Amino acid sequence: DLWEKTVSQWWASSVFVFTFETETPQAQVHARTFAPAF
């Protein structure tokens, strides 16, 4: 409901959430991607 209201019609509807705290020592970025429009 909030995705529809906030970004569904905005320039970028897909959301990439990330943190610099990683699970593996060789990585620098830990991420998740949500793309309801697709």
PDB file of all heavy atoms in Angstrom:
ATOM      1  N   ASP A   1       0.818  -1.209   0.000  1.00  0.00           N
ATOM      2  CA  ASP A   1       0.000   0.000   0.000  1.00  0.00           C
ATOM      3  C   ASP A   1       0.852   1.259   0.000  1.00  0.00           C
ATOM      4  O   ASP A   1       0.568   2.228  -0.728  1.00  0.00           O
ATOM      5  CB  ASP A   1      -0.947  -0.011   1.204  1.00  0.00           C
ATOM      6  CG  ASP A   1      -0.218  -0.134   2.541  1.00  0.00           C
ATOM      7  OD1 ASP A   1       0.890  -0.713   2.579  1.00  0.00           O
ATOM      8  OD2 ASP A   1      -0.762   0.353   3.562  1.00  0.00           O
ATOM      9  N   LEU A   2       1.944   1.241   0.785  1.00  0.00           N
ATOM     10  CA  LEU A   2       2.811   2.423   0.842  1.00  0.00           C
ATOM     11  C   LEU A   2       3.722   2.506  -0.373  1.00  0.00           C
ATOM     12  O   LEU A   2       4.080   3.605  -0.806  1.00  0.00           O
ATOM     13  CB  LEU A   2       3.632   2.407   2.133  1.00  0.00           C
ATOM     14  CG  LEU A   2       2.809   2.536   3.423  1.00  0.00           C
ATOM     15  CD1 LEU A   2       3.730   2.584   4.637  1.00  0.00           C
ATOM     16  CD2 LEU A   2       1.916   3.774   3.378  1.00  0.00           C
ATOM     17  N   TRP A   3       4.122   1.353  -0.947  1.00  0.00           N
ATOM     18  CA  TRP A   3       4.887   1.385  -2.200  1.00  0.00           C
ATOM     19  C   TRP A   3       4.049   2.029  -3.295  1.00  0.00           C
ATOM     20  O   TRP A   3       4.538   2.871  -4.060  1.00  0.00           O
ATOM     21  CB  TRP A   3       5.289  -0.036  -2.600  1.00  0.00           C
ATOM     22  CG  TRP A   3       5.919  -0.099  -3.961  1.00  0.00           C
ATOM     23  CD1 TRP A   3       7.230   0.137  -4.272  1.00  0.00           C
ATOM     24  CD2 TRP A   3       5.260  -0.400  -5.204  1.00  0.00           C
ATOM     25  NE1 TRP A   3       7.431   0.013  -5.635  1.00  0.00           N
ATOM     26  CE2 TRP A   3       6.235  -0.319  -6.229  1.00  0.00           C
ATOM     27  CE3 TRP A   3       3.945  -0.717  -5.542  1.00  0.00           C
ATOM     28  CZ2 TRP A   3       5.925  -0.553  -7.570  1.00  0.00           C
ATOM     29  CZ3 TRP A   3       3.633  -0.948  -6.876  1.00  0.00           C
ATOM     30  CH2 TRP A   3       4.622  -0.864  -7.870  1.00  0.00           C
ATOM     31  N   GLU A   4       2.780   1.639  -3.368  1.00  0.00           N
ATOM     32  CA  GLU A   4       1.867   2.200  -4.373  1.00  0.00           C
ATOM     33  C   GLU A   4       1.767   3.711  -4.216  1.00  0.00           C
ATOM     34  O   GLU A   4       1.794   4.454  -5.208  1.00  0.00           O
ATOM     35  CB  GLU A   4       0.489   1.560  -4.221  1.00  0.00           C
ATOM     36  CG  GLU A   4      -0.513   1.951  -5.289  1.00  0.00           C
ATOM     37  CD  GLU A   4      -0.247   1.299  -6.628  1.00  0.00           C
ATOM     38  OE1 GLU A   4       0.242   0.159  -6.647  1.00  0.00           O
ATOM     39  OE2 GLU A   4      -0.514   1.953  -7.662  1.00  0.00           O
ATOM     40  N   LYS A   5       1.693   4.158  -2.988  1.00  0.00           N
ATOM     41  CA  LYS A   5       1.527   5.586  -2.710  1.00  0.00           C
ATOM     42  C   LYS A   5       2.821   6.371  -2.888  1.00  0.00           C
ATOM     43  O   LYS A   5       2.804   7.531  -3.324  1.00  0.00           O
ATOM     44  CB  LYS A   5       1.011   5.743  -1.274  1.00  0.00           C
ATOM     45  CG  LYS A   5       0.826   7.181  -0.811  1.00  0.00           C
ATOM     46  CD  LYS A   5       0.353   7.209   0.627  1.00  0.00           C
ATOM     47  CE  LYS A   5       0.211   8.638   1.136  1.00  0.00           C
ATOM     48  NZ  LYS A   5      -0.244   8.686   2.557  1.00  0.00           N
ATOM     49  N   THR A   6       3.958   5.743  -2.584  1.00  0.00           N
ATOM     50  CA  THR A   6       5.223   6.479  -2.485  1.00  0.00           C
ATOM     51  C   THR A   6       6.035   6.491  -3.771  1.00  0.00           C
ATOM     52  O   THR A   6       6.513   7.555  -4.206  1.00  0.00           O
ATOM     53  CB  THR A   6       6.087   5.904  -1.340  1.00  0.00           C
ATOM     54  OG1 THR A   6       5.310   5.867  -0.146  1.00  0.00           O
ATOM     55  CG2 THR A   6       7.325   6.750  -1.109  1.00  0.00           C
ATOM     56  N   VAL A   7       6.246   5.327  -4.397  1.00  0.00           N
ATOM     57  CA  VAL A   7       7.164   5.290  -5.542  1.00  0.00           C
ATOM     58  C   VAL A   7       6.631   4.566  -6.777  1.00  0.00           C
ATOM     59  O   VAL A   7       7.323   4.514  -7.792  1.00  0.00           O
ATOM     60  CB  VAL A   7       8.522   4.637  -5.151  1.00  0.00           C
ATOM     61  CG1 VAL A   7       9.222   5.429  -4.067  1.00  0.00           C
ATOM     62  CG2 VAL A   7       8.348   3.188  -4.754  1.00  0.00           C
ATOM     63  N   SER A   8       5.420   4.015  -6.735  1.00  0.00           N
ATOM     64  CA  SER A   8       4.941   3.236  -7.886  1.00  0.00           C
ATOM     65  C   SER A   8       4.892   4.068  -9.166  1.00  0.00           C
ATOM     66  O   SER A   8       5.118   3.549 -10.261  1.00  0.00           O
ATOM     67  CB  SER A   8       3.569   2.624  -7.600  1.00  0.00           C
ATOM     68  OG  SER A   8       2.582   3.637  -7.471  1.00  0.00           O
ATOM     69  N   GLN A   9       4.610   5.351  -9.051  1.00  0.00           N
ATOM     70  CA  GLN A   9       4.540   6.237 -10.219  1.00  0.00           C
ATOM     71  C   GLN A   9       5.721   7.205 -10.282  1.00  0.00           C
ATOM     72  O   GLN A   9       5.722   8.122 -11.105  1.00  0.00           O
ATOM     73  CB  GLN A   9       3.215   7.030 -10.190  1.00  0.00           C
ATOM     74  CG  GLN A   9       1.968   6.173 -10.153  1.00  0.00           C
ATOM     75  CD  GLN A   9       1.875   5.235 -11.338  1.00  0.00           C
ATOM     76  OE1 GLN A   9       2.105   5.634 -12.479  1.00  0.00           O
ATOM     77  NE2 GLN A   9       1.533   3.971 -11.073  1.00  0.00           N
ATOM     78  N   TRP A  10       6.703   6.988  -9.420  1.00  0.00           N
ATOM     79  CA  TRP A  10       7.857   7.887  -9.376  1.00  0.00           C
ATOM     80  C   TRP A  10       8.905   7.442 -10.392  1.00  0.00           C
ATOM     81  O   TRP A  10       8.766   6.415 -11.057  1.00  0.00           O
ATOM     82  CB  TRP A  10       8.432   7.899  -7.948  1.00  0.00           C
ATOM     83  CG  TRP A  10       9.499   8.925  -7.727  1.00  0.00           C
ATOM     84  CD1 TRP A  10       9.368  10.280  -7.814  1.00  0.00           C
ATOM     85  CD2 TRP A  10      10.864   8.671  -7.401  1.00  0.00           C
ATOM     86  NE1 TRP A  10      10.573  10.884  -7.561  1.00  0.00           N
ATOM     87  CE2 TRP A  10      11.509   9.923  -7.305  1.00  0.00           C
ATOM     88  CE3 TRP A  10      11.602   7.507  -7.187  1.00  0.00           C
ATOM     89  CZ2 TRP A  10      12.863  10.051  -7.002  1.00  0.00           C
ATOM     90  CZ3 TRP A  10      12.946   7.627  -6.877  1.00  0.00           C
ATOM     91  CH2 TRP A  10      13.567   8.886  -6.789  1.00  0.00           C
ATOM     92  N   TRP A  11       9.991   8.206 -10.522  1.00  0.00           N
ATOM     93  CA  TRP A  11      11.032   7.955 -11.525  1.00  0.00           C
ATOM     94  C   TRP A  11      11.608   6.558 -11.404  1.00  0.00           C
ATOM     95  O   TRP A  11      11.909   5.904 -12.408  1.00  0.00           O
ATOM     96  CB  TRP A  11      12.127   9.008 -11.366  1.00  0.00           C
ATOM     97  CG  TRP A  11      13.171   9.021 -12.431  1.00  0.00           C
ATOM     98  CD1 TRP A  11      13.050   9.522 -13.699  1.00  0.00           C
ATOM     99  CD2 TRP A  11      14.510   8.520 -12.316  1.00  0.00           C
ATOM    100  NE1 TRP A  11      14.229   9.372 -14.379  1.00  0.00           N
ATOM    101  CE2 TRP A  11      15.151   8.765 -13.559  1.00  0.00           C
ATOM    102  CE3 TRP A  11      15.234   7.906 -11.295  1.00  0.00           C
ATOM    103  CZ2 TRP A  11      16.468   8.403 -13.798  1.00  0.00           C
ATOM    104  CZ3 TRP A  11      16.546   7.556 -11.527  1.00  0.00           C
ATOM    105  CH2 TRP A  11      17.153   7.798 -12.769  1.00  0.00           C
ATOM    106  N   ALA A  12      11.791   6.056 -10.190  1.00  0.00           N
ATOM    107  CA  ALA A  12      12.326   4.713  -9.953  1.00  0.00           C
ATOM    108  C   ALA A  12      11.375   3.970  -9.023  1.00  0.00           C
ATOM    109  O   ALA A  12      11.227   4.346  -7.859  1.00  0.00           O
ATOM    110  CB  ALA A  12      13.717   4.785  -9.339  1.00  0.00           C
ATOM    111  N   SER A  13      10.752   2.921  -9.524  1.00  0.00           N
ATOM    112  CA  SER A  13       9.803   2.165  -8.694  1.00  0.00           C
ATOM    113  C   SER A  13      10.443   0.940  -8.045  1.00  0.00           C
ATOM    114  O   SER A  13       9.862   0.331  -7.154  1.00  0.00           O
ATOM    115  CB  SER A  13       8.607   1.721  -9.539  1.00  0.00           C
ATOM    116  OG  SER A  13       9.018   0.848 -10.587  1.00  0.00           O
ATOM    117  N   SER A  14      11.652   0.563  -8.499  1.00  0.00           N
ATOM    118  CA  SER A  14      12.365  -0.568  -7.900  1.00  0.00           C
ATOM    119  C   SER A  14      13.285  -0.055  -6.798  1.00  0.00           C
ATOM    120  O   SER A  14      13.941   0.984  -6.956  1.00  0.00           O
ATOM    121  CB  SER A  14      13.180  -1.310  -8.965  1.00  0.00           C
ATOM    122  OG  SER A  14      12.331  -1.835  -9.968  1.00  0.00           O
ATOM    123  N   VAL A  15      13.339  -0.785  -5.687  1.00  0.00           N
ATOM    124  CA  VAL A  15      14.050  -0.314  -4.492  1.00  0.00           C
ATOM    125  C   VAL A  15      15.215  -1.246  -4.171  1.00  0.00           C
ATOM    126  O   VAL A  15      15.036  -2.461  -4.038  1.00  0.00           O
ATOM    127  CB  VAL A  15      13.096  -0.222  -3.290  1.00  0.00           C
ATOM    128  CG1 VAL A  15      13.808   0.393  -2.089  1.00  0.00           C
ATOM    129  CG2 VAL A  15      11.845   0.588  -3.651  1.00  0.00           C
ATOM    130  N   PHE A  16      16.402  -0.676  -4.050  1.00  0.00           N
ATOM    131  CA  PHE A  16      17.627  -1.394  -3.715  1.00  0.00           C
ATOM    132  C   PHE A  16      18.045  -0.945  -2.324  1.00  0.00           C
ATOM    133  O   PHE A  16      18.497   0.183  -2.132  1.00  0.00           O
ATOM    134  CB  PHE A  16      18.700  -1.072  -4.761  1.00  0.00           C
ATOM    135  CG  PHE A  16      19.986  -1.840  -4.633  1.00  0.00           C
ATOM    136  CD1 PHE A  16      20.207  -2.966  -5.401  1.00  0.00           C
ATOM    137  CD2 PHE A  16      20.998  -1.407  -3.780  1.00  0.00           C
ATOM    138  CE1 PHE A  16      21.419  -3.662  -5.326  1.00  0.00           C
ATOM    139  CE2 PHE A  16      22.205  -2.095  -3.688  1.00  0.00           C
ATOM    140  CZ  PHE A  16      22.405  -3.231  -4.468  1.00  0.00           C
ATOM    141  N   VAL A  17      17.854  -1.807  -1.338  1.00  0.00           N
ATOM    142  CA  VAL A  17      18.207  -1.501   0.049  1.00  0.00           C
ATOM    143  C   VAL A  17      19.576  -2.107   0.322  1.00  0.00           C
ATOM    144  O   VAL A  17      19.826  -3.267  -0.017  1.00  0.00           O
ATOM    145  CB  VAL A  17      17.173  -2.078   1.027  1.00  0.00           C
ATOM    146  CG1 VAL A  17      17.455  -1.607   2.442  1.00  0.00           C
ATOM    147  CG2 VAL A  17      15.765  -1.684   0.611  1.00  0.00           C
ATOM    148  N   PHE A  18      20.481  -1.332   0.923  1.00  0.00           N
ATOM    149  CA  PHE A  18      21.824  -1.871   1.132  1.00  0.00           C
ATOM    150  C   PHE A  18      22.433  -1.352   2.427  1.00  0.00           C
ATOM    151  O   PHE A  18      22.024  -0.339   2.988  1.00  0.00           O
ATOM    152  CB  PHE A  18      22.735  -1.551  -0.054  1.00  0.00           C
ATOM    153  CG  PHE A  18      23.106  -0.093  -0.194  1.00  0.00           C
ATOM    154  CD1 PHE A  18      24.330   0.371   0.270  1.00  0.00           C
ATOM    155  CD2 PHE A  18      22.249   0.813  -0.810  1.00  0.00           C
ATOM    156  CE1 PHE A  18      24.686   1.708   0.147  1.00  0.00           C
ATOM    157  CE2 PHE A  18      22.591   2.140  -0.949  1.00  0.00           C
ATOM    158  CZ  PHE A  18      23.819   2.591  -0.474  1.00  0.00           C
ATOM    159  N   THR A  19      23.436  -2.098   2.881  1.00  0.00           N
ATOM    160  CA  THR A  19      24.215  -1.714   4.048  1.00  0.00           C
ATOM    161  C   THR A  19      25.683  -2.031   3.791  1.00  0.00           C
ATOM    162  O   THR A  19      25.994  -2.898   2.956  1.00  0.00           O
ATOM    163  CB  THR A  19      23.727  -2.458   5.312  1.00  0.00           C
ATOM    164  OG1 THR A  19      24.571  -2.113   6.421  1.00  0.00           O
ATOM    165  CG2 THR A  19      23.779  -3.966   5.129  1.00  0.00           C
ATOM    166  N   PHE A  20      26.553  -1.325   4.484  1.00  0.00           N
ATOM    167  CA  PHE A  20      27.985  -1.589   4.357  1.00  0.00           C
ATOM    168  C   PHE A  20      28.452  -2.638   5.361  1.00  0.00           C
ATOM    169  O   PHE A  20      29.640  -2.954   5.410  1.00  0.00           O
ATOM    170  CB  PHE A  20      28.778  -0.292   4.511  1.00  0.00           C
ATOM    171  CG  PHE A  20      28.497   0.709   3.421  1.00  0.00           C
ATOM    172  CD1 PHE A  20      27.809   1.880   3.694  1.00  0.00           C
ATOM    173  CD2 PHE A  20      28.895   0.459   2.127  1.00  0.00           C
ATOM    174  CE1 PHE A  20      27.538   2.799   2.689  1.00  0.00           C
ATOM    175  CE2 PHE A  20      28.625   1.374   1.101  1.00  0.00           C
ATOM    176  CZ  PHE A  20      27.944   2.541   1.388  1.00  0.00           C
ATOM    177  N   GLU A  21      27.540  -3.167   6.155  1.00  0.00           N
ATOM    178  CA  GLU A  21      27.854  -4.276   7.059  1.00  0.00           C
ATOM    179  C   GLU A  21      27.565  -5.573   6.307  1.00  0.00           C
ATOM    180  O   GLU A  21      26.424  -5.843   5.946  1.00  0.00           O
ATOM    181  CB  GLU A  21      27.007  -4.193   8.322  1.00  0.00           C
ATOM    182  CG  GLU A  21      27.327  -5.275   9.337  1.00  0.00           C
ATOM    183  CD  GLU A  21      26.473  -5.166  10.586  1.00  0.00           C
ATOM    184  OE1 GLU A  21      26.688  -4.211  11.362  1.00  0.00           O
ATOM    185  OE2 GLU A  21      25.582  -6.019  10.777  1.00  0.00           O
ATOM    186  N   THR A  22      28.584  -6.371   6.055  1.00  0.00           N
ATOM    187  CA  THR A  22      28.436  -7.539   5.190  1.00  0.00           C
ATOM    188  C   THR A  22      28.561  -8.848   5.954  1.00  0.00           C
ATOM    189  O   THR A  22      29.061  -8.894   7.069  1.00  0.00           O
ATOM    190  CB  THR A  22      29.490  -7.506   4.066  1.00  0.00           C
ATOM    191  OG1 THR A  22      30.798  -7.555   4.650  1.00  0.00           O
ATOM    192  CG2 THR A  22      29.351  -6.241   3.229  1.00  0.00           C
ATOM    193  N   GLU A  23      28.114  -9.908   5.303  1.00  0.00           N
ATOM    194  CA  GLU A  23      28.193 -11.243   5.902  1.00  0.00           C
ATOM    195  C   GLU A  23      29.505 -11.930   5.556  1.00  0.00           C
ATOM    196  O   GLU A  23      30.052 -12.678   6.352  1.00  0.00           O
ATOM    197  CB  GLU A  23      27.015 -12.092   5.421  1.00  0.00           C
ATOM    198  CG  GLU A  23      26.941 -13.468   6.058  1.00  0.00           C
ATOM    199  CD  GLU A  23      25.608 -14.153   5.846  1.00  0.00           C
ATOM    200  OE1 GLU A  23      24.592 -13.442   5.727  1.00  0.00           O
ATOM    201  OE2 GLU A  23      25.585 -15.399   5.808  1.00  0.00           O
ATOM    202  N   THR A  24      30.021 -11.698   4.336  1.00  0.00           N
ATOM    203  CA  THR A  24      31.272 -12.311   3.906  1.00  0.00           C
ATOM    204  C   THR A  24      32.395 -11.280   3.983  1.00  0.00           C
ATOM    205  O   THR A  24      32.177 -10.099   3.673  1.00  0.00           O
ATOM    206  CB  THR A  24      31.155 -12.856   2.471  1.00  0.00           C
ATOM    207  OG1 THR A  24      30.828 -11.771   1.577  1.00  0.00           O
ATOM    208  CG2 THR A  24      30.060 -13.907   2.379  1.00  0.00           C
ATOM    209  N   PRO A  25      33.607 -11.680   4.367  1.00  0.00           N
ATOM    210  CA  PRO A  25      34.685 -10.703   4.556  1.00  0.00           C
ATOM    211  C   PRO A  25      35.146 -10.038   3.269  1.00  0.00           C
ATOM    212  O   PRO A  25      35.671  -8.928   3.307  1.00  0.00           O
ATOM    213  CB  PRO A  25      35.814 -11.545   5.173  1.00  0.00           C
ATOM    214  CG  PRO A  25      35.510 -12.957   4.788  1.00  0.00           C
ATOM    215  CD  PRO A  25      34.022 -13.054   4.729  1.00  0.00           C
ATOM    216  N   GLN A  26      34.928 -10.688   2.121  1.00  0.00           N
ATOM    217  CA  GLN A  26      35.411 -10.107   0.869  1.00  0.00           C
ATOM    218  C   GLN A  26      34.456  -9.071   0.279  1.00  0.00           C
ATOM    219  O   GLN A  26      34.826  -8.333  -0.634  1.00  0.00           O
ATOM    220  CB  GLN A  26      35.680 -11.202  -0.179  1.00  0.00           C
ATOM    221  CG  GLN A  26      34.445 -11.945  -0.674  1.00  0.00           C
ATOM    222  CD  GLN A  26      34.151 -13.194   0.124  1.00  0.00           C
ATOM    223  OE1 GLN A  26      34.440 -13.250   1.324  1.00  0.00           O
ATOM    224  NE2 GLN A  26      33.597 -14.193  -0.520  1.00  0.00           N
ATOM    225  N   ALA A  27      33.226  -8.998   0.789  1.00  0.00           N
ATOM    226  CA  ALA A  27      32.236  -8.065   0.242  1.00  0.00           C
ATOM    227  C   ALA A  27      32.298  -6.722   0.956  1.00  0.00           C
ATOM    228  O   ALA A  27      32.726  -6.622   2.107  1.00  0.00           O
ATOM    229  CB  ALA A  27      30.837  -8.663   0.351  1.00  0.00           C
ATOM    230  N   GLN A  28      31.850  -5.687   0.250  1.00  0.00           N
ATOM    231  CA  GLN A  28      31.765  -4.342   0.830  1.00  0.00           C
ATOM    232  C   GLN A  28      30.325  -3.854   0.959  1.00  0.00           C
ATOM    233  O   GLN A  28      30.053  -2.894   1.675  1.00  0.00           O
ATOM    234  CB  GLN A  28      32.549  -3.338  -0.032  1.00  0.00           C
ATOM    235  CG  GLN A  28      34.045  -3.507  -0.014  1.00  0.00           C
ATOM    236  CD  GLN A  28      34.485  -4.677  -0.891  1.00  0.00           C
ATOM    237  OE1 GLN A  28      34.014  -4.833  -2.020  1.00  0.00           O
ATOM    238  NE2 GLN A  28      35.395  -5.493  -0.383  1.00  0.00           N
ATOM    239  N   VAL A  29      29.406  -4.508   0.239  1.00  0.00           N
ATOM    240  CA  VAL A  29      28.006  -4.080   0.227  1.00  0.00           C
ATOM    241  C   VAL A  29      27.116  -5.313   0.385  1.00  0.00           C
ATOM    242  O   VAL A  29      27.339  -6.331  -0.278  1.00  0.00           O
ATOM    243  CB  VAL A  29      27.641  -3.345  -1.086  1.00  0.00           C
ATOM    244  CG1 VAL A  29      26.161  -2.985  -1.116  1.00  0.00           C
ATOM    245  CG2 VAL A  29      28.495  -2.097  -1.256  1.00  0.00           C
ATOM    246  N   HIS A  30      26.110  -5.215   1.247  1.00  0.00           N
ATOM    247  CA  HIS A  30      25.102  -6.266   1.417  1.00  0.00           C
ATOM    248  C   HIS A  30      23.773  -5.660   0.977  1.00  0.00           C
ATOM    249  O   HIS A  30      23.391  -4.580   1.444  1.00  0.00           O
ATOM    250  CB  HIS A  30      25.034  -6.703   2.879  1.00  0.00           C
ATOM    251  CG  HIS A  30      24.088  -7.832   3.120  1.00  0.00           C
ATOM    252  ND1 HIS A  30      24.489  -9.150   3.182  1.00  0.00           N
ATOM    253  CD2 HIS A  30      22.738  -7.847   3.319  1.00  0.00           C
ATOM    254  CE1 HIS A  30      23.442  -9.927   3.414  1.00  0.00           C
ATOM    255  NE2 HIS A  30      22.365  -9.155   3.500  1.00  0.00           N
ATOM    256  N   ALA A  31      23.039  -6.335   0.081  1.00  0.00           N
ATOM    257  CA  ALA A  31      21.899  -5.687  -0.558  1.00  0.00           C
ATOM    258  C   ALA A  31      20.698  -6.605  -0.711  1.00  0.00           C
ATOM    259  O   ALA A  31      20.810  -7.834  -0.697  1.00  0.00           O
ATOM    260  CB  ALA A  31      22.316  -5.166  -1.934  1.00  0.00           C
ATOM    261  N   ARG A  32      19.541  -5.960  -0.865  1.00  0.00           N
ATOM    262  CA  ARG A  32      18.302  -6.627  -1.247  1.00  0.00           C
ATOM    263  C   ARG A  32      17.601  -5.749  -2.275  1.00  0.00           C
ATOM    264  O   ARG A  32      17.668  -4.514  -2.194  1.00  0.00           O
ATOM    265  CB  ARG A  32      17.382  -6.836  -0.038  1.00  0.00           C
ATOM    266  CG  ARG A  32      17.986  -7.682   1.056  1.00  0.00           C
ATOM    267  CD  ARG A  32      17.047  -7.808   2.259  1.00  0.00           C
ATOM    268  NE  ARG A  32      15.864  -8.634   1.935  1.00  0.00           N
ATOM    269  CZ  ARG A  32      14.862  -8.846   2.782  1.00  0.00           C
ATOM    270  NH1 ARG A  32      14.892  -8.289   3.993  1.00  0.00           N
ATOM    271  NH2 ARG A  32      13.844  -9.604   2.436  1.00  0.00           N
ATOM    272  N   THR A  33      16.933  -6.371  -3.251  1.00  0.00           N
ATOM    273  CA  THR A  33      16.219  -5.629  -4.289  1.00  0.00           C
ATOM    274  C   THR A  33      14.757  -6.045  -4.308  1.00  0.00           C
ATOM    275  O   THR A  33      14.439  -7.236  -4.354  1.00  0.00           O
ATOM    276  CB  THR A  33      16.830  -5.873  -5.677  1.00  0.00           C
ATOM    277  OG1 THR A  33      18.178  -5.406  -5.697  1.00  0.00           O
ATOM    278  CG2 THR A  33      16.055  -5.121  -6.755  1.00  0.00           C
ATOM    279  N   PHE A  34      13.878  -5.036  -4.313  1.00  0.00           N
ATOM    280  CA  PHE A  34      12.436  -5.253  -4.405  1.00  0.00           C
ATOM    281  C   PHE A  34      11.919  -4.536  -5.656  1.00  0.00           C
ATOM    282  O   PHE A  34      12.163  -3.336  -5.817  1.00  0.00           O
ATOM    283  CB  PHE A  34      11.727  -4.709  -3.166  1.00  0.00           C
ATOM    284  CG  PHE A  34      12.289  -5.231  -1.862  1.00  0.00           C
ATOM    285  CD1 PHE A  34      13.141  -4.455  -1.097  1.00  0.00           C
ATOM    286  CD2 PHE A  34      11.965  -6.497  -1.408  1.00  0.00           C
ATOM    287  CE1 PHE A  34      13.656  -4.918   0.115  1.00  0.00           C
ATOM    288  CE2 PHE A  34      12.479  -6.979  -0.205  1.00  0.00           C
ATOM    289  CZ  PHE A  34      13.321  -6.197   0.552  1.00  0.00           C
ATOM    290  N   ALA A  35      11.210  -5.259  -6.515  1.00  0.00           N
ATOM    291  CA  ALA A  35      10.731  -4.670  -7.772  1.00  0.00           C
ATOM    292  C   ALA A  35       9.289  -5.079  -8.047  1.00  0.00           C
ATOM    293  O   ALA A  35       9.004  -5.835  -8.976  1.00  0.00           O
ATOM    294  CB  ALA A  35      11.645  -5.084  -8.926  1.00  0.00           C
ATOM    295  N   PRO A  36       8.346  -4.583  -7.247  1.00  0.00           N
ATOM    296  CA  PRO A  36       6.943  -4.976  -7.421  1.00  0.00           C
ATOM    297  C   PRO A  36       6.376  -4.650  -8.800  1.00  0.00           C
ATOM    298  O   PRO A  36       5.516  -5.381  -9.302  1.00  0.00           O
ATOM    299  CB  PRO A  36       6.223  -4.167  -6.332  1.00  0.00           C
ATOM    300  CG  PRO A  36       7.270  -3.855  -5.313  1.00  0.00           C
ATOM    301  CD  PRO A  36       8.536  -3.693  -6.092  1.00  0.00           C
ATOM    302  N   ALA A  37       6.834  -3.559  -9.429  1.00  0.00           N
ATOM    303  CA  ALA A  37       6.296  -3.186 -10.733  1.00  0.00           C
ATOM    304  C   ALA A  37       6.602  -4.229 -11.803  1.00  0.00           C
ATOM    305  O   ALA A  37       5.896  -4.316 -12.808  1.00  0.00           O
ATOM    306  CB  ALA A  37       6.857  -1.824 -11.161  1.00  0.00           C
ATOM    307  N   PHE A  38       7.647  -5.021 -11.589  1.00  0.00           N
ATOM    308  CA  PHE A  38       8.017  -6.084 -12.517  1.00  0.00           C
ATOM    309  C   PHE A  38       7.517  -7.452 -12.045  1.00  0.00           C
ATOM    310  O   PHE A  38       7.897  -8.477 -12.595  1.00  0.00           O
ATOM    311  CB  PHE A  38       9.536  -6.124 -12.694  1.00  0.00           C
ATOM    312  CG  PHE A  38      10.109  -4.897 -13.339  1.00  0.00           C
ATOM    313  CD1 PHE A  38      10.643  -3.880 -12.565  1.00  0.00           C
ATOM    314  CD2 PHE A  38      10.093  -4.733 -14.719  1.00  0.00           C
ATOM    315  CE1 PHE A  38      11.167  -2.735 -13.151  1.00  0.00           C
ATOM    316  CE2 PHE A  38      10.609  -3.592 -15.310  1.00  0.00           C
ATOM    317  CZ  PHE A  38      11.143  -2.591 -14.535  1.00  0.00           C
TER     318      PHE A  38
END
